Protein backbone atom coordinates (compact mmCIF):
# COMPACT_ATOMS: atom_id res chain seq x y z
CA UNK A 1 0.00 0.00 0.00
CA UNK A 2 1.28 3.47 -0.90
CA UNK A 3 2.42 5.71 1.94
CA UNK A 4 -0.39 8.19 1.23
CA UNK A 5 -2.99 5.40 1.45
CA UNK A 6 -1.52 4.20 4.74
CA UNK A 7 -1.66 7.74 6.08
CA UNK A 8 -5.39 8.05 5.31
CA UNK A 9 -6.09 4.89 7.35
CA UNK A 10 -3.86 6.11 10.17
CA UNK A 11 -5.58 9.52 10.37
CA UNK A 12 -9.00 8.00 11.14
CA UNK A 13 -9.84 8.60 14.84
CA UNK A 14 -6.58 10.51 15.27
CA UNK A 15 -6.67 13.88 17.02
CA UNK A 16 -3.17 15.17 16.27
CA UNK A 17 0.04 13.99 14.58
CA UNK A 18 3.37 15.72 15.23
CA UNK A 19 4.17 15.87 12.51
CA UNK A 20 2.16 14.50 9.60
CA UNK A 21 4.96 15.37 7.17
CA UNK A 22 7.49 13.40 9.22
CA UNK A 23 5.15 10.41 9.39
CA UNK A 24 4.64 10.44 5.63
CA UNK A 25 8.43 10.56 5.18
CA UNK A 26 8.88 7.61 7.55
CA UNK A 27 6.17 5.62 5.74
CA UNK A 28 7.79 6.24 2.35
CA UNK A 29 11.19 5.19 3.67
CA UNK A 30 9.63 2.11 5.25
CA UNK A 31 8.28 1.05 1.85
CA UNK A 32 11.52 1.82 0.01
CA UNK A 33 13.64 -0.14 2.51
CA UNK A 34 11.01 -2.84 3.13
CA UNK A 35 11.47 -2.15 6.82
CA UNK A 36 8.47 -1.76 9.18
CA UNK A 37 8.17 1.26 11.44
CA UNK A 38 8.95 0.73 15.12
CA UNK A 39 5.78 1.73 16.96
CA UNK A 40 5.58 2.17 20.73
CA UNK A 41 2.83 2.39 23.33
CA UNK A 42 3.44 2.41 27.05
CA UNK A 43 1.04 1.32 29.79
CA UNK A 44 1.60 1.81 33.48
CA UNK A 45 -0.19 -1.06 35.24
CA UNK A 46 -1.66 1.20 37.93
CA UNK A 47 -5.01 -0.67 37.92
CA UNK A 48 -5.83 -4.22 36.80
CA UNK A 49 -8.37 -3.41 34.09
CA UNK A 50 -8.24 -1.90 30.61
CA UNK A 51 -11.36 -0.01 29.52
CA UNK A 52 -12.83 1.42 26.32
CA UNK A 53 -10.79 4.60 26.80
CA UNK A 54 -7.59 2.56 26.54
CA UNK A 55 -9.06 0.67 23.58
CA UNK A 56 -9.20 3.80 21.39
CA UNK A 57 -5.41 3.91 21.04
CA UNK A 58 -5.13 0.10 20.94
CA UNK A 59 -7.40 -0.05 17.89
CA UNK A 60 -5.22 2.58 16.24
CA UNK A 61 -2.18 0.41 16.92
CA UNK A 62 -4.01 -2.55 15.39
CA UNK A 63 -4.31 -0.45 12.22
CA UNK A 64 -0.52 -0.16 12.18
CA UNK A 65 -0.19 -3.92 12.66
CA UNK A 66 -2.47 -4.56 9.69
CA UNK A 67 -0.28 -2.22 7.65
CA UNK A 68 2.72 -4.40 8.50
CA UNK A 69 4.49 -2.29 11.12
CA UNK A 70 6.18 -3.53 14.29
CA UNK A 71 4.43 -2.80 17.59
CA UNK A 72 6.09 -2.80 21.00
CA UNK A 73 3.95 -2.53 24.11
CA UNK A 74 5.89 -1.29 27.11
CA UNK A 75 4.49 -2.37 30.43
CA UNK A 76 5.82 0.27 32.79
CA UNK A 77 6.68 -1.88 35.76
CA UNK A 78 9.35 0.72 36.62
CA UNK A 79 7.56 3.97 35.73
CA UNK A 80 4.38 2.52 37.26
CA UNK A 81 5.93 2.67 40.70
CA UNK A 82 5.99 6.46 40.39
CA UNK A 83 2.73 6.86 38.49
CA UNK A 84 1.97 9.27 35.67
CA UNK A 85 1.38 12.79 37.12
CA UNK A 86 -0.72 13.76 34.06
CA UNK A 87 -3.89 15.48 35.20
CA UNK A 88 -3.14 14.90 38.88
CA UNK A 89 -3.88 17.61 41.46
CA UNK A 90 -1.70 15.83 44.03
CA UNK A 91 1.17 13.38 44.19
CA UNK A 92 0.04 9.89 43.21
CA UNK A 93 0.43 7.09 45.74
CA UNK A 94 3.41 4.98 44.72
CA UNK A 95 2.67 1.33 44.00
CA UNK A 96 4.72 -1.59 45.22
CA UNK A 97 6.60 -3.83 42.81
CA UNK A 98 4.19 -6.67 43.64
CA UNK A 99 1.11 -4.54 42.81
CA UNK A 100 2.56 -3.43 39.49
CA UNK A 101 3.53 -6.96 38.43
CA UNK A 102 0.11 -8.39 39.38
CA UNK A 103 -1.65 -5.73 37.31
CA UNK A 104 0.69 -6.18 34.35
CA UNK A 105 -0.24 -9.87 34.04
CA UNK A 106 -3.93 -9.00 33.62
CA UNK A 107 -3.02 -6.31 31.06
CA UNK A 108 -1.35 -8.80 28.76
CA UNK A 109 -4.43 -11.01 28.68
CA UNK A 110 -6.68 -8.06 27.86
CA UNK A 111 -4.37 -6.52 25.24
CA UNK A 112 -4.85 -9.50 22.96
CA UNK A 113 -8.58 -8.90 22.77
CA UNK A 114 -7.56 -6.16 20.32
CA UNK A 115 -3.95 -6.65 19.22
CA UNK A 116 -2.54 -9.53 17.19
CA UNK A 117 -0.38 -11.50 19.65
CA UNK A 118 1.83 -12.77 16.81
CA UNK A 119 2.69 -9.20 15.83
CA UNK A 120 3.01 -7.71 19.32
CA UNK A 121 6.20 -7.48 21.34
CA UNK A 122 5.69 -6.89 25.07
CA UNK A 123 8.59 -5.58 27.15
CA UNK A 124 9.07 -4.23 30.69
CA UNK A 125 10.88 -0.92 31.05
CA UNK A 126 12.57 -2.06 34.25
CA UNK A 127 14.84 -4.09 31.96
CA UNK A 128 16.71 -0.89 31.08
CA UNK A 129 15.61 1.76 33.61
CA UNK A 130 16.62 -0.32 36.64
CA UNK A 131 20.13 -0.66 35.20
CA UNK A 132 20.83 3.08 35.02
CA UNK A 133 23.44 4.08 37.58
CA UNK A 134 23.28 7.44 39.34
CA UNK A 135 25.63 9.06 36.84
CA UNK A 136 23.34 8.04 33.99
CA UNK A 137 20.30 9.37 35.87
CA UNK A 138 22.07 12.73 36.38
CA UNK A 139 22.93 12.79 32.67
CA UNK A 140 19.28 12.13 31.80
CA UNK A 141 18.08 14.86 34.17
CA UNK A 142 20.50 17.27 32.51
CA UNK A 143 18.66 16.94 29.20
CA UNK A 144 15.71 19.07 30.41
CA UNK A 145 15.14 22.17 32.53
CA UNK A 146 12.93 22.81 35.56
CA UNK A 147 11.47 25.86 33.80
CA UNK A 148 10.33 23.72 30.86
CA UNK A 149 8.99 21.06 33.23
CA UNK A 150 6.89 23.69 35.04
CA UNK A 151 5.32 24.71 31.73
CA UNK A 152 3.42 21.44 31.94
CA UNK A 153 -0.18 22.33 32.81
CA UNK A 154 -0.69 20.04 35.80
CA UNK A 155 2.66 20.94 37.36
CA UNK A 156 2.07 24.65 36.73
CA UNK A 157 -1.37 24.51 38.37
CA UNK A 158 -0.08 22.68 41.43
CA UNK A 159 2.84 25.11 41.71
CA UNK A 160 0.53 28.15 41.53
CA UNK A 161 -1.79 26.66 44.17
CA UNK A 162 1.03 25.71 46.52
CA UNK A 163 0.40 21.97 46.10
CA UNK A 164 3.37 19.68 46.66
CA UNK A 165 5.27 18.36 43.63
CA UNK A 166 7.65 15.50 44.36
CA UNK A 167 11.05 15.70 42.66
CA UNK A 168 10.52 12.09 41.60
CA UNK A 169 7.46 13.18 39.58
CA UNK A 170 9.73 15.20 37.26
CA UNK A 171 11.45 11.94 36.41
CA UNK A 172 8.28 10.31 35.07
CA UNK A 173 8.23 12.07 31.66
CA UNK A 174 12.02 11.75 31.48
CA UNK A 175 11.81 7.98 31.97
CA UNK A 176 8.96 7.59 29.48
CA UNK A 177 10.95 9.61 26.97
CA UNK A 178 14.03 7.50 27.65
CA UNK A 179 11.98 4.43 26.69
CA UNK A 180 11.74 5.92 23.19
CA UNK A 181 15.51 6.39 23.10
CA UNK A 182 16.15 2.75 24.04
CA UNK A 183 13.65 1.40 21.50
CA UNK A 184 14.62 3.92 18.80
CA UNK A 185 10.89 4.40 18.27
CA UNK A 186 9.59 5.82 14.99
CA UNK A 187 6.08 6.44 16.31
CA UNK A 188 4.71 6.74 19.84
CA UNK A 189 0.99 6.63 20.63
CA UNK A 190 -1.07 8.20 23.38
CA UNK A 191 -4.24 10.12 24.13
CA UNK A 192 -4.16 13.90 23.70
CA UNK A 193 -3.54 14.34 27.44
CA UNK A 194 -0.22 12.52 26.96
CA UNK A 195 1.15 15.19 24.61
CA UNK A 196 3.82 16.45 27.03
CA UNK A 197 5.16 12.94 27.61
CA UNK A 198 5.18 12.09 23.89
CA UNK A 199 7.01 15.29 23.02
CA UNK A 200 9.55 14.49 25.73
CA UNK A 201 10.38 11.35 23.77
CA UNK A 202 11.05 13.45 20.65
CA UNK A 203 13.23 15.85 22.66
CA UNK A 204 15.33 13.14 24.29
CA UNK A 205 15.84 11.25 21.05
CA UNK A 206 17.34 14.41 19.54
CA UNK A 207 19.48 14.90 22.66
CA UNK A 208 20.87 11.38 22.33
CA UNK A 209 21.48 11.72 18.58
CA UNK A 210 18.47 9.82 17.17
CA UNK A 211 15.84 10.80 14.64
CA UNK A 212 12.80 12.05 16.62
CA UNK A 213 9.70 9.91 16.78
CA UNK A 214 6.31 10.96 15.49
CA UNK A 215 3.80 11.68 18.27
CA UNK A 216 0.39 10.29 17.33
CA UNK A 217 -2.47 11.28 19.62
CA UNK A 218 -5.98 9.84 19.78
CA UNK A 219 -9.07 11.52 21.30
CA UNK A 220 -10.03 11.05 24.93
CA UNK A 221 -13.20 8.98 25.36
CA UNK A 222 -15.76 10.55 27.70
CA UNK A 223 -16.97 8.30 30.52
CA UNK A 224 -20.45 6.86 30.89
CA UNK A 225 -21.70 9.85 32.94
CA UNK A 226 -21.12 12.10 29.93
CA UNK A 227 -18.81 14.69 31.50
CA UNK A 228 -15.29 13.61 32.52
CA UNK A 229 -12.85 11.32 30.73
CA UNK A 230 -13.35 7.58 31.18
CA UNK A 231 -11.48 6.49 34.29
CA UNK A 232 -11.70 3.60 36.69
CA UNK A 233 -11.04 5.92 39.63
CA UNK A 234 -14.10 7.97 38.64
CA UNK A 235 -16.27 4.88 38.27
CA UNK A 236 -17.43 5.93 34.79
CA UNK A 237 -15.68 3.23 32.80
CA UNK A 238 -16.61 0.20 30.69
CA UNK A 239 -13.99 -2.52 31.08
CA UNK A 240 -13.19 -4.60 28.02
CA UNK A 241 -12.90 -7.63 30.33
CA UNK A 242 -16.34 -7.15 31.89
CA UNK A 243 -19.21 -9.53 31.19
CA UNK A 244 -21.30 -9.05 28.01
CA UNK A 245 -24.34 -8.13 30.13
CA UNK A 246 -22.37 -5.54 32.09
CA UNK A 247 -20.88 -3.95 28.96
CA UNK A 248 -24.26 -3.88 27.21
CA UNK A 249 -26.02 -2.33 30.20
CA UNK A 250 -23.35 0.31 30.72
CA UNK A 251 -23.43 1.34 27.05
CA UNK A 252 -27.21 1.71 27.27
CA UNK A 253 -26.73 4.06 30.24
CA UNK A 254 -24.61 6.66 28.39
CA UNK A 255 -26.21 10.00 27.48
CA UNK A 256 -27.51 10.30 23.91
CA UNK A 257 -25.25 13.34 23.41
CA UNK A 258 -22.06 11.24 23.44
CA UNK A 259 -23.43 8.21 21.56
CA UNK A 260 -21.85 9.13 18.21
CA UNK A 261 -18.45 9.60 19.87
CA UNK A 262 -18.75 6.02 21.09
CA UNK A 263 -19.69 4.86 17.59
CA UNK A 264 -16.59 6.54 16.16
CA UNK A 265 -14.10 5.69 18.91
CA UNK A 266 -15.35 2.44 20.47
CA UNK A 267 -16.53 0.44 17.43
CA UNK A 268 -14.89 -0.72 14.22
CA UNK A 269 -17.85 0.13 12.00
CA UNK A 270 -17.11 1.68 8.61
CA UNK A 271 -17.17 5.51 8.81
CA UNK A 272 -19.85 5.62 6.10
CA UNK A 273 -22.13 3.38 8.15
CA UNK A 274 -21.61 5.63 11.19
CA UNK A 275 -22.40 8.71 9.10
CA UNK A 276 -25.67 7.16 7.94
CA UNK A 277 -26.67 6.39 11.53
CA UNK A 278 -25.85 9.95 12.58
CA UNK A 279 -27.84 11.42 9.69
CA UNK A 280 -30.85 9.21 10.48
CA UNK A 281 -30.78 10.38 14.10
CA UNK A 282 -30.61 14.02 13.02
CA UNK A 283 -33.53 13.56 10.63
CA UNK A 284 -35.57 11.71 13.25
CA UNK A 285 -35.92 8.54 11.16
CA UNK A 286 -33.96 6.43 13.66
CA UNK A 287 -34.86 6.25 17.36
CA UNK A 288 -31.94 6.99 19.73
CA UNK A 289 -32.82 3.88 21.79
CA UNK A 290 -32.47 1.65 18.72
CA UNK A 291 -29.20 3.33 17.74
CA UNK A 292 -27.86 2.82 21.24
CA UNK A 293 -28.88 -0.85 21.25
CA UNK A 294 -26.94 -1.35 18.03
CA UNK A 295 -23.98 0.45 19.60
CA UNK A 296 -24.13 -1.85 22.63
CA UNK A 297 -24.30 -4.94 20.36
CA UNK A 298 -21.30 -3.77 18.33
CA UNK A 299 -19.14 -3.17 21.40
CA UNK A 300 -20.06 -6.45 23.10
CA UNK A 301 -19.43 -8.38 19.87
CA UNK A 302 -16.02 -6.73 19.53
CA UNK A 303 -14.82 -8.24 22.82
CA UNK A 304 -17.04 -11.30 23.35
CA UNK A 305 -18.38 -12.31 19.92
CA UNK A 306 -21.74 -12.10 18.11
CA UNK A 307 -23.48 -14.80 20.15
CA UNK A 308 -22.65 -13.05 23.40
CA UNK A 309 -23.94 -9.77 21.98
CA UNK A 310 -27.29 -11.32 21.04
CA UNK A 311 -27.57 -12.95 24.47
CA UNK A 312 -26.69 -9.67 26.25
CA UNK A 313 -29.36 -7.82 24.31
CA UNK A 314 -31.97 -10.45 25.18
CA UNK A 315 -30.94 -10.18 28.84
CA UNK A 316 -31.24 -6.39 28.69
CA UNK A 317 -34.73 -6.52 27.20
CA UNK A 318 -35.89 -9.03 29.80
CA UNK A 319 -34.43 -7.30 32.83
CA UNK A 320 -34.60 -3.62 31.95
CA UNK A 321 -37.47 -3.19 29.54
CA UNK A 322 -39.78 -5.78 31.10
CA UNK A 323 -38.43 -5.48 34.68
CA UNK A 324 -37.90 -9.25 34.92
CA UNK A 325 -35.37 -11.07 37.06
CA UNK A 326 -32.84 -12.87 34.83
CA UNK A 327 -33.10 -16.65 34.62
CA UNK A 328 -29.55 -17.43 35.69
CA UNK A 329 -28.93 -15.27 38.75
CA UNK A 330 -25.46 -15.99 40.18
CA UNK A 331 -25.62 -17.97 43.42
CA UNK A 332 -23.39 -16.64 46.18
CA UNK A 333 -22.48 -19.02 48.99
CA UNK A 334 -22.17 -17.44 52.43
CA UNK A 335 -20.93 -18.99 55.63
CA UNK A 336 -23.51 -21.43 57.08
CA UNK A 337 -23.28 -19.61 60.42
CA UNK A 338 -24.92 -16.58 58.78
CA UNK A 339 -28.07 -18.39 57.64
CA UNK A 340 -31.21 -16.83 59.15
CA UNK A 341 -29.11 -14.15 60.84
CA UNK A 342 -30.14 -10.48 60.67
CA UNK A 343 -27.44 -8.69 58.65
CA UNK A 344 -27.31 -4.96 58.01
CA UNK A 345 -27.96 -4.32 54.32
CA UNK A 346 -24.65 -2.66 53.44
CA UNK A 347 -22.69 -5.55 54.96
CA UNK A 348 -24.87 -8.07 53.12
CA UNK A 349 -24.11 -6.37 49.78
CA UNK A 350 -20.39 -6.61 50.45
CA UNK A 351 -20.60 -10.24 51.58
CA UNK A 352 -22.56 -11.09 48.42
CA UNK A 353 -19.92 -9.48 46.20
CA UNK A 354 -22.30 -6.79 44.95
CA UNK A 355 -20.11 -3.97 46.25
CA UNK A 356 -16.37 -3.63 46.61
CA UNK A 357 -16.56 -2.01 50.04
CA UNK A 358 -18.99 -1.17 52.83
CA UNK A 359 -18.82 2.53 51.95
CA UNK A 360 -19.74 1.78 48.34
CA UNK A 361 -22.60 -0.41 49.56
CA UNK A 362 -23.95 2.42 51.71
CA UNK A 363 -23.83 4.72 48.70
CA UNK A 364 -25.83 2.22 46.63
CA UNK A 365 -28.55 2.12 49.30
CA UNK A 366 -28.68 5.92 49.64
CA UNK A 367 -29.03 6.23 45.85
CA UNK A 368 -32.07 3.96 45.92
CA UNK A 369 -30.48 1.25 43.82
CA UNK A 370 -30.81 -1.72 46.20
CA UNK A 371 -33.61 -4.30 46.25
CA UNK A 372 -34.18 -7.43 48.34
CA UNK A 373 -36.64 -9.92 46.83
CA UNK A 374 -37.61 -7.12 44.37
CA UNK A 375 -38.49 -4.72 47.21
CA UNK A 376 -36.50 -1.48 47.33
CA UNK A 377 -34.42 -0.81 50.45
CA UNK A 378 -34.16 2.90 51.29
CA UNK A 379 -32.75 2.94 54.84
CA UNK A 380 -29.01 2.31 55.06
CA UNK A 381 -29.48 0.84 58.57
CA UNK A 382 -32.04 -1.78 57.47
CA UNK A 383 -31.32 -5.33 58.66
CA UNK A 384 -32.22 -8.27 56.42
CA UNK A 385 -32.72 -11.90 57.45
CA UNK A 386 -30.21 -13.87 55.38
CA UNK A 387 -32.37 -16.77 54.21
CA UNK A 388 -31.53 -19.43 51.64
CA UNK A 389 -32.59 -18.28 48.16
CA UNK A 390 -32.85 -14.59 49.08
CA UNK A 391 -32.56 -12.38 45.97
CA UNK A 392 -30.39 -9.28 46.36
CA UNK A 393 -30.07 -6.67 43.60
CA UNK A 394 -27.95 -3.57 43.04
CA UNK A 395 -28.98 -1.28 40.22
CA UNK A 396 -30.29 -2.90 37.07
CA UNK A 397 -27.38 -5.20 36.30
CA UNK A 398 -26.15 -6.84 39.50
CA UNK A 399 -28.00 -9.78 41.08
CA UNK A 400 -27.12 -12.43 43.66
CA UNK A 401 -29.14 -15.25 45.19
CA UNK A 402 -27.93 -16.38 48.60
CA UNK A 403 -27.09 -19.96 49.41
CA UNK A 404 -25.50 -21.48 52.49
CA UNK A 405 -24.88 -25.07 51.41
């Protein structure tokens, strides 16, 4: 494929390329020399799940794989211990080596839901960053100035407001940029919020005598609430590893206003098909509910297959549109000593695995999203007799039936 044709594919769902001319030059040289571009994406395993926001850039990388280029995924087991300061209003809690490694194992499994494992190289940046001696670290630090570092928006804001900035946080973009030096990357990917870090890679490559990489940035996907970016810490995410029913239900919960963004960024539908859907919605010939149901099917099918998508839609219609209890409610076995005991509702939700913590369970009750045997529970201090077969529900997607034997 000609370089110009490759570029047109690459530009789809791309927010900014620095620079497009350099990328075109690299693509032409790649064809002339029959040598694939070296493409790089880094992930810090700060949480165990990848979500649709991460998937935007992963699908772009898959485009590069299909075009024959080499993809290296860097799992930042070293940088992850510091944590990316991007967008942070305070110093991030540093993770232990054990936490980072545990999360990185789950990342690899999820990556291959999108990327071709045969064409994907996965490396850990501790393999070179941990070997730098103090002299090399000082040399690296000497490649950039504090004044330039404080031009970064999040650092500048924290500095103006008197919020602490750890010296170690300045090393995060330096280390990510050094990854590009080690790999001699031709292209680095990231969301638009990663622009500072990606440009650091270009700067350091020049400093160390290499041709600078192209920085390719994809849009940020808005979370399910319709306001802030998708983030696990904000609870507005859709994990690619979640169940088909959970993904389908969460997609159906997004505001209509961001539905077309999800079509463009979270599906692999042809752009012409997406344009027809958008036009039909604007003209009023297509109901938003039907468009959203197709969106939910497309996203579930992408990660779980067509059969799972059909089943998830059937489940949604039964449970949400007809207010039915699903046929196969998960059974949760509790300790036999608890049978017929009076248990406060928020503790019961946590014991049944319907909430990750007691505080979250209390919030569910206060929001009116908890039912016991289809009866809504409104008082956070309500006690429930834990009987065999008791049906407990949180929201419209989470069910558990208690068993003790």
